Amino acid sequence: MDTLSRLIDLARPQASLDLRCLLSGAFDIDHGQLEAGIAPFHLVLDGACVVETADGAQRELRTGDFMLFPRGAAHRVRDVQRSNATAPLTQSHDGMLPLRRNDGHDGNDSARVPADLDLLCGRFVYSPGSSALLLNALPDPLHVSLSGMETRGSLQTVIALMRSEAERRQAGALAIVTALSHALLAIALRAHGEQNASASSVLALLGDARLGASVQGMLSAPERAWTIAELGALAAMSRATYARHFNERAGMTVMDFLTQIRMTIACDLLRRTQRSAAEIGEAVGYQSEAAFGKAFQQSVGVPPGRYRRRPQENDGAEI
């Protein structure tokens, strides 16, 4: 399994589609801050809109644009004219999803009445501990556009299929669109890493062919007592060169990153298995339960046992 796929697998994101918006003219829809473990997203199937974040920043989204809020930040979806007067919203059901409109039409004629914006809104629910390495490194919001993307073809294909299923609303349409949301997330994360290759981030690190080999080594054998020299050898670099390049690319030291990988895997094992804390600690490189417990609390904020007992309703299913 490649590194990005492994990190997504550890995060266990569960896609949930909330509603479809068909909006025309003036609109201004507020979205409040969500609790930890919920990352809302918007996908523009057709048309355009403006998303305004709590700090006043405005981003225009057009057909094929995807925006994810990894930490559930508050935001507003507005028409491109930023109109003051807005039409009242109505909500019905189009046979697949709740349908929000502002033109007075019901869901039965949604395919025949054109709208300025066709927006699919949903969320990813994830386990906060095991997703931290991947999601905490993302900007909030994460905006991925079709414009100038090497993955344009793949993203276009996924979005076209999602739109087709949303419009036709045949048997199994909701299951298909939900499954495609997982593919959309993976493509968006890969595209973000490609578009921001010069920035310091986990995704940029994964995109570096030489450094990525060492990350794969850490993920494959977290129990190993890795040294910087050994990891540098995987990247075909000297110890000093490797440490410097890794820090520049990841925005953290090699050992800090290794600790994050170990804690990410430990969180997943605590939630998904019945193995003891001592066994899990040994599996991620700690020789004693006490050493593991101390490192886990420093990283996650609670002891392993308390983390395991937390309500798991936000844990996602495996992809």
Protein backbone atom coordinates (compact mmCIF):
# COMPACT_ATOMS: atom_id res chain seq x y z
CA MET A 1 0.00 0.00 0.00
CA ASP A 2 1.41 3.42 -0.94
CA THR A 3 2.01 5.98 1.81
CA LEU A 4 -0.93 8.30 1.10
CA SER A 5 -3.31 5.34 0.91
CA ARG A 6 -1.96 4.08 4.24
CA LEU A 7 -2.47 7.47 5.94
CA ILE A 8 -6.02 7.71 4.59
CA ASP A 9 -6.65 4.16 5.78
CA LEU A 10 -5.42 5.09 9.28
CA ALA A 11 -7.64 8.18 9.37
CA ARG A 12 -10.69 5.96 8.66
CA PRO A 13 -12.76 8.73 7.05
CA GLN A 14 -16.42 7.85 6.60
CA ALA A 15 -18.12 9.86 3.87
CA SER A 16 -21.62 11.16 4.50
CA LEU A 17 -23.60 13.20 1.98
CA ASP A 18 -25.82 15.83 3.59
CA LEU A 19 -27.68 17.54 0.76
CA ARG A 20 -27.65 18.89 -2.75
CA CYS A 21 -28.12 22.62 -3.36
CA LEU A 22 -29.67 24.00 -6.56
CA LEU A 23 -29.44 27.76 -6.17
CA SER A 24 -30.10 30.73 -8.43
CA GLY A 25 -29.72 34.48 -8.10
CA ALA A 26 -28.84 35.74 -4.63
CA PHE A 27 -28.04 33.37 -1.78
CA ASP A 28 -26.05 33.47 1.46
CA ILE A 29 -25.94 30.24 3.48
CA ASP A 30 -24.19 30.11 6.83
CA HIS A 31 -22.34 27.00 8.11
CA GLY A 32 -21.35 27.00 11.78
CA GLN A 33 -18.26 25.52 13.41
CA LEU A 34 -18.48 21.73 13.73
CA GLU A 35 -17.12 19.50 16.47
CA ALA A 36 -13.76 17.74 16.27
CA GLY A 37 -13.77 14.74 13.98
CA ILE A 38 -16.14 16.21 11.38
CA ALA A 39 -14.76 17.71 8.16
CA PRO A 40 -17.48 19.20 5.90
CA PHE A 41 -16.90 19.54 2.17
CA HIS A 42 -18.46 21.18 -0.88
CA LEU A 43 -18.18 19.99 -4.47
CA VAL A 44 -19.35 22.25 -7.30
CA LEU A 45 -21.07 20.00 -9.82
CA ASP A 46 -21.97 22.97 -12.01
CA GLY A 47 -21.90 26.77 -11.82
CA ALA A 48 -20.06 28.98 -9.36
CA CYS A 49 -20.20 30.37 -5.83
CA VAL A 50 -18.06 32.17 -3.28
CA VAL A 51 -17.04 30.63 0.05
CA GLU A 52 -16.30 33.16 2.78
CA THR A 53 -14.40 32.00 5.87
CA ALA A 54 -14.61 33.40 9.38
CA ASP A 55 -11.56 35.62 8.83
CA GLY A 56 -13.28 37.34 5.88
CA ALA A 57 -11.24 35.59 3.17
CA GLN A 58 -13.25 34.82 0.03
CA ARG A 59 -12.59 32.07 -2.48
CA GLU A 60 -14.49 31.59 -5.71
CA LEU A 61 -15.41 28.01 -6.58
CA ARG A 62 -16.35 26.91 -10.10
CA THR A 63 -17.39 23.66 -11.75
CA GLY A 64 -15.22 20.83 -10.49
CA ASP A 65 -13.84 22.70 -7.50
CA PHE A 66 -13.64 20.87 -4.18
CA MET A 67 -13.35 22.51 -0.76
CA LEU A 68 -12.76 20.63 2.49
CA PHE A 69 -12.72 22.03 6.02
CA PRO A 70 -10.50 19.50 7.90
CA ARG A 71 -11.20 21.07 11.30
CA GLY A 72 -14.81 21.98 10.66
CA ALA A 73 -14.30 25.75 10.42
CA ALA A 74 -17.32 28.06 10.14
CA HIS A 75 -17.97 29.51 6.68
CA ARG A 76 -20.63 30.95 4.35
CA VAL A 77 -21.59 29.98 0.80
CA ARG A 78 -22.62 33.02 -1.25
CA ASP A 79 -23.50 33.91 -4.82
CA VAL A 80 -20.67 35.33 -6.91
CA GLN A 81 -22.21 38.83 -6.83
CA ARG A 82 -22.12 38.84 -2.99
CA SER A 83 -25.71 40.09 -2.99
CA ASN A 84 -27.29 41.49 0.14
CA ALA A 85 -30.92 40.52 -0.50
CA THR A 86 -31.44 36.77 -0.76
CA ALA A 87 -34.41 34.61 -1.69
CA PRO A 88 -35.90 32.28 0.94
CA LEU A 89 -34.63 28.71 1.00
CA THR A 90 -36.87 25.68 0.67
CA GLN A 91 -35.97 22.06 1.34
CA SER A 92 -37.43 18.93 -0.20
CA HIS A 93 -35.99 15.62 -1.37
CA ASP A 94 -34.89 14.66 -4.86
CA GLY A 95 -35.13 10.90 -4.32
CA MET A 96 -31.47 10.59 -3.39
CA LEU A 97 -30.66 13.46 -1.03
CA PRO A 98 -32.33 16.37 0.73
CA LEU A 99 -32.59 19.17 -1.82
CA ARG A 100 -32.18 22.86 -0.98
CA ARG A 101 -33.44 25.49 -3.41
CA ASN A 102 -34.19 29.18 -3.44
CA ASP A 103 -36.32 29.44 -6.62
CA GLY A 104 -39.63 28.14 -5.29
CA HIS A 105 -39.50 24.83 -7.20
CA ASP A 106 -39.84 21.45 -5.53
CA GLY A 107 -37.53 18.47 -5.97
CA ASN A 108 -39.68 16.78 -8.60
CA ASP A 109 -38.65 19.18 -11.37
CA SER A 110 -35.00 19.63 -10.37
CA ALA A 111 -33.68 18.07 -13.57
CA ARG A 112 -35.76 20.39 -15.79
CA VAL A 113 -35.18 23.74 -14.09
CA PRO A 114 -31.66 25.17 -14.56
CA ALA A 115 -29.84 26.67 -11.59
CA ASP A 116 -26.83 28.96 -11.30
CA LEU A 117 -25.20 26.59 -8.83
CA ASP A 118 -25.39 22.83 -8.40
CA LEU A 119 -23.55 22.10 -5.16
CA LEU A 120 -23.04 18.77 -3.41
CA CYS A 121 -22.48 19.14 0.35
CA GLY A 122 -21.25 16.42 2.68
CA ARG A 123 -18.81 15.55 5.40
CA PHE A 124 -16.07 13.14 6.35
CA VAL A 125 -16.31 11.78 9.88
CA TYR A 126 -12.99 10.53 11.16
CA SER A 127 -11.23 9.32 14.30
CA PRO A 128 -9.32 12.36 15.62
CA GLY A 129 -6.31 10.50 17.04
CA SER A 130 -5.39 8.29 14.09
CA SER A 131 -6.13 11.03 11.56
CA ALA A 132 -3.95 13.70 13.14
CA LEU A 133 -0.84 13.13 11.02
CA LEU A 134 -2.79 13.57 7.78
CA LEU A 135 -5.59 16.03 8.52
CA ASN A 136 -3.85 18.35 10.97
CA ALA A 137 -1.28 19.16 8.32
CA LEU A 138 -3.92 20.40 5.87
CA PRO A 139 -4.97 24.03 5.46
CA ASP A 140 -8.48 24.88 6.62
CA PRO A 141 -10.00 25.18 4.12
CA LEU A 142 -8.35 22.91 1.57
CA HIS A 143 -9.30 24.14 -1.91
CA VAL A 144 -8.51 21.99 -4.94
CA SER A 145 -9.37 23.28 -8.40
CA LEU A 146 -9.40 21.64 -11.80
CA SER A 147 -7.37 24.50 -13.21
CA GLY A 148 -3.86 23.45 -14.22
CA MET A 149 -3.97 20.08 -12.49
CA GLU A 150 -2.03 17.06 -13.64
CA THR A 151 -4.84 14.95 -12.16
CA ARG A 152 -7.47 16.90 -14.09
CA GLY A 153 -8.62 13.87 -16.09
CA SER A 154 -9.12 11.66 -13.04
CA LEU A 155 -10.96 14.36 -11.12
CA GLN A 156 -13.14 15.24 -14.09
CA THR A 157 -14.12 11.60 -14.48
CA VAL A 158 -15.06 11.21 -10.81
CA ILE A 159 -17.02 14.47 -10.72
CA ALA A 160 -18.83 13.70 -13.98
CA LEU A 161 -19.91 10.32 -12.61
CA MET A 162 -21.03 11.88 -9.31
CA ARG A 163 -23.07 14.47 -11.17
CA SER A 164 -24.61 11.86 -13.47
CA GLU A 165 -25.64 9.68 -10.52
CA ALA A 166 -27.02 12.69 -8.65
CA GLU A 167 -29.11 13.74 -11.64
CA ARG A 168 -30.43 10.29 -12.64
CA ARG A 169 -31.10 9.13 -9.04
CA GLN A 170 -31.38 5.48 -10.00
CA ALA A 171 -31.20 2.55 -7.59
CA GLY A 172 -27.90 2.57 -5.71
CA ALA A 173 -27.11 6.18 -6.66
CA LEU A 174 -26.49 7.32 -3.09
CA ALA A 175 -24.12 4.40 -2.41
CA ILE A 176 -22.21 5.15 -5.62
CA VAL A 177 -21.86 8.88 -4.93
CA THR A 178 -20.81 8.20 -1.34
CA ALA A 179 -18.13 5.74 -2.47
CA LEU A 180 -16.91 8.21 -5.07
CA SER A 181 -16.52 10.78 -2.28
CA HIS A 182 -13.69 8.63 -0.90
CA ALA A 183 -12.00 8.63 -4.31
CA LEU A 184 -12.52 12.40 -4.51
CA LEU A 185 -10.75 12.88 -1.16
CA ALA A 186 -7.73 10.82 -2.24
CA ILE A 187 -7.46 12.69 -5.56
CA ALA A 188 -7.81 16.05 -3.80
CA LEU A 189 -5.09 15.22 -1.27
CA ARG A 190 -2.76 14.04 -4.01
CA ALA A 191 -3.47 17.15 -6.06
CA HIS A 192 -2.85 19.41 -3.08
CA GLY A 193 0.53 17.79 -2.54
CA GLU A 194 1.41 18.25 -6.23
CA GLN A 195 0.26 21.88 -6.33
CA ASN A 196 2.16 22.77 -3.15
CA ALA A 197 5.29 20.69 -3.66
CA SER A 198 7.55 23.52 -2.54
CA ALA A 199 5.75 24.04 0.78
CA SER A 200 6.54 22.30 4.05
CA SER A 201 3.83 19.71 4.68
CA VAL A 202 3.24 16.01 5.13
CA LEU A 203 1.70 15.74 1.65
CA ALA A 204 4.68 17.51 0.07
CA LEU A 205 6.92 15.07 1.92
CA LEU A 206 5.01 12.10 0.48
CA GLY A 207 5.47 13.51 -3.01
CA ASP A 208 9.26 13.57 -2.67
CA ALA A 209 10.45 10.33 -4.25
CA ARG A 210 13.64 10.02 -2.16
CA LEU A 211 12.28 11.14 1.21
CA GLY A 212 9.06 9.23 0.62
CA ALA A 213 10.99 5.95 0.71
CA SER A 214 12.03 6.65 4.30
CA VAL A 215 8.45 7.52 5.29
CA GLN A 216 7.32 4.21 3.83
CA GLY A 217 9.97 2.51 5.92
CA MET A 218 8.70 4.13 9.12
CA LEU A 219 5.11 3.19 8.34
CA SER A 220 6.03 -0.38 7.46
CA ALA A 221 8.15 -0.99 10.57
CA PRO A 222 7.22 1.50 13.32
CA GLU A 223 8.59 -0.91 15.94
CA ARG A 224 12.11 -0.65 14.58
CA ALA A 225 14.64 1.49 16.51
CA TRP A 226 15.27 3.72 13.50
CA THR A 227 18.29 5.99 13.36
CA ILE A 228 18.58 9.02 11.13
CA ALA A 229 21.48 7.35 9.36
CA GLU A 230 19.38 4.26 8.54
CA LEU A 231 16.50 6.38 7.25
CA GLY A 232 18.91 8.51 5.29
CA ALA A 233 20.24 5.38 3.62
CA LEU A 234 16.72 4.57 2.41
CA ALA A 235 16.65 8.02 0.83
CA ALA A 236 20.17 7.57 -0.59
CA MET A 237 21.41 10.59 1.39
CA SER A 238 24.00 11.21 4.05
CA ARG A 239 22.75 11.56 7.61
CA ALA A 240 23.15 15.36 7.69
CA THR A 241 21.72 15.95 4.22
CA TYR A 242 18.76 13.72 4.92
CA ALA A 243 17.95 15.41 8.25
CA ARG A 244 18.16 18.86 6.66
CA HIS A 245 16.02 18.02 3.63
CA PHE A 246 13.47 16.16 5.72
CA ASN A 247 13.04 19.10 8.09
CA GLU A 248 12.66 21.51 5.18
CA ARG A 249 10.08 19.34 3.43
CA ALA A 250 8.06 18.13 6.42
CA GLY A 251 8.31 21.19 8.64
CA MET A 252 9.44 18.99 11.56
CA THR A 253 12.40 16.84 12.54
CA VAL A 254 12.73 13.21 11.50
CA MET A 255 12.26 11.92 15.05
CA ASP A 256 9.23 14.11 15.68
CA PHE A 257 7.69 12.73 12.50
CA LEU A 258 8.53 9.16 13.52
CA THR A 259 6.81 9.75 16.87
CA GLN A 260 3.70 11.04 15.07
CA ILE A 261 3.61 7.95 12.87
CA ARG A 262 3.92 5.71 15.92
CA MET A 263 1.13 7.54 17.76
CA THR A 264 -1.11 7.50 14.68
CA ILE A 265 -0.73 3.72 14.39
CA ALA A 266 -1.14 3.28 18.15
CA CYS A 267 -4.43 5.25 18.10
CA ASP A 268 -5.71 3.03 15.32
CA LEU A 269 -4.74 -0.17 17.16
CA LEU A 270 -6.33 1.05 20.40
CA ARG A 271 -9.62 1.65 18.63
CA ARG A 272 -9.64 -1.26 16.21
CA THR A 273 -8.19 -4.12 18.27
CA GLN A 274 -8.36 -5.61 21.76
CA ARG A 275 -4.59 -5.76 22.14
CA SER A 276 -3.21 -4.51 25.46
CA ALA A 277 -1.46 -1.16 25.77
CA ALA A 278 1.82 -3.00 26.42
CA GLU A 279 1.43 -5.01 23.20
CA ILE A 280 0.55 -1.94 21.19
CA GLY A 281 3.46 -0.01 22.68
CA GLU A 282 5.83 -2.78 21.65
CA ALA A 283 4.30 -2.86 18.15
CA VAL A 284 5.14 0.82 17.65
CA GLY A 285 8.64 0.77 19.10
CA TYR A 286 8.42 1.16 22.89
CA GLN A 287 10.11 -1.36 25.16
CA SER A 288 7.86 -0.76 28.17
CA GLU A 289 4.23 0.10 28.77
CA ALA A 290 5.29 3.03 30.94
CA ALA A 291 7.43 4.56 28.19
CA PHE A 292 4.62 4.11 25.68
CA GLY A 293 2.03 5.60 28.02
CA LYS A 294 4.17 8.67 28.68
CA ALA A 295 4.84 9.27 24.98
CA PHE A 296 1.19 8.69 24.09
CA GLN A 297 -0.09 11.18 26.68
CA GLN A 298 2.42 13.80 25.58
CA SER A 299 1.36 13.40 21.95
CA VAL A 300 -2.41 12.74 22.19
CA GLY A 301 -3.21 14.46 25.47
CA VAL A 302 -4.76 11.50 27.31
CA PRO A 303 -3.45 8.08 28.46
CA PRO A 304 -3.96 5.11 26.10
CA GLY A 305 -6.70 3.57 28.26
CA ARG A 306 -8.75 6.76 28.33
CA TYR A 307 -8.35 7.20 24.59
CA ARG A 308 -9.63 3.65 24.03
CA ARG A 309 -12.69 4.30 26.24
CA ARG A 310 -13.72 7.46 24.41
CA PRO A 311 -17.02 7.24 22.52
CA GLN A 312 -16.34 5.88 19.06
CA GLU A 313 -19.34 7.21 17.18
CA ASN A 314 -17.01 9.40 15.11
CA ASP A 315 -14.84 6.51 14.03
CA GLY A 316 -15.14 5.91 10.32
CA ALA A 317 -15.35 2.60 8.51
CA GLU A 318 -12.41 1.27 6.57
CA ILE A 319 -12.16 2.45 3.00
